[in-house]
Every structure is written in C-alpha cells, then in structure tokens.
C-alpha cells in the first residue's frame, strides 16, 4: 500500500513545470539586476536630465517666459 503511493508520487511529473517556471523567473530576475547594476549611472543621469527639463518647462509656464 505505502510502496504503491510512493511509486506513484515518484512517477508524477506534474510539479516539474512549476519548478521550471521558478528557475526561469529566477534567472530573469538575476539578469534584470545585472543590467540595472551595469547601467545604473547612465540611467541616473538620464532621469536627472529629464527631471531638469521638466522643472525648466514648469518654471517657464509659471513665470511666462523662457530661461536662456
């Protein structure tokens, strides 16, 4: 009885898909962290530039003239 249940569980492969998806998700997360770490300084500069342009535009709208 118990050996039959254990043999059935041993042959059951339905959980393999979940493990494979978890491994893929883990690898993708590691790759994302590596990419972000590599381009961190460039991304920071890009977003700071964008924020500065938005602040300049907001200031121009509020004061009614552009800054040279």
Protein backbone atom coordinates (compact mmCIF):
# COMPACT_ATOMS: atom_id res chain seq x y z
CA UNK A 1 0.00 0.00 0.00
CA UNK A 2 2.61 2.57 1.10
CA UNK A 3 5.09 1.49 -1.60
CA UNK A 4 2.39 1.92 -4.24
CA UNK A 5 1.75 5.50 -3.13
CA UNK A 6 5.47 6.29 -3.10
CA UNK A 7 5.95 4.81 -6.58
CA UNK A 8 3.02 6.84 -7.87
CA UNK A 9 4.44 10.04 -6.39
CA UNK A 10 7.87 9.23 -7.86
CA UNK A 11 6.43 8.90 -11.37
CA UNK A 12 4.23 12.01 -11.09
CA UNK A 13 5.82 14.79 -13.18
CA UNK A 14 3.08 17.42 -12.88
CA UNK A 15 5.11 19.59 -10.49
CA UNK A 16 8.09 19.78 -12.84
CA UNK A 17 6.55 22.67 -14.76
CA UNK A 18 6.27 24.84 -11.66
CA UNK A 19 9.91 24.22 -10.79
CA UNK A 20 10.99 25.07 -14.32
CA UNK A 21 8.98 28.30 -14.30
CA UNK A 22 10.52 29.24 -10.95
CA UNK A 23 14.02 28.69 -12.34
CA UNK A 24 13.25 30.80 -15.40
CA UNK A 25 11.82 33.58 -13.24
CA UNK A 26 14.90 33.48 -11.01
CA UNK A 27 17.25 33.72 -13.97
CA UNK A 28 15.28 36.62 -15.42
CA UNK A 29 15.39 38.45 -12.09
CA UNK A 30 19.16 37.93 -11.85
CA UNK A 31 19.61 39.21 -15.41
CA UNK A 32 17.49 42.28 -14.66
CA UNK A 33 19.56 43.08 -11.57
CA UNK A 34 22.77 42.71 -13.59
CA UNK A 35 21.51 45.02 -16.34
CA UNK A 36 20.33 47.65 -13.88
CA UNK A 37 23.63 47.49 -11.99
CA UNK A 38 25.58 47.86 -15.24
CA UNK A 39 23.64 50.88 -16.49
CA UNK A 40 22.88 52.47 -13.10
CA UNK A 41 24.94 55.62 -13.63
CA UNK A 42 23.65 56.14 -17.17
CA UNK A 43 20.05 55.68 -16.05
CA UNK A 44 20.54 58.06 -13.14
CA UNK A 45 21.95 60.74 -15.46
CA UNK A 46 19.14 60.20 -17.96
CA UNK A 47 16.39 60.57 -15.38
CA UNK A 48 18.10 63.58 -13.77
CA UNK A 49 18.28 65.26 -17.19
CA UNK A 50 14.61 64.53 -17.83
CA UNK A 51 13.65 65.85 -14.38
CA UNK A 52 15.66 69.03 -15.02
CA UNK A 53 13.93 69.63 -18.36
CA UNK A 54 10.51 69.11 -16.76
CA UNK A 55 11.40 71.56 -13.98
CA UNK A 56 12.59 74.13 -16.55
CA UNK A 57 9.35 73.78 -18.53
CA UNK A 58 7.28 74.11 -15.36
CA UNK A 59 9.21 77.24 -14.38
CA UNK A 60 8.69 78.74 -17.85
CA UNK A 61 4.96 78.08 -17.64
CA UNK A 62 4.69 79.64 -14.19
CA UNK A 63 6.77 82.75 -14.96
CA UNK A 64 5.55 83.22 -18.52
CA UNK A 65 8.99 83.42 -20.14
CA UNK A 66 11.81 81.10 -21.03
CA UNK A 67 15.21 80.94 -19.40
CA UNK A 68 18.14 81.41 -21.80
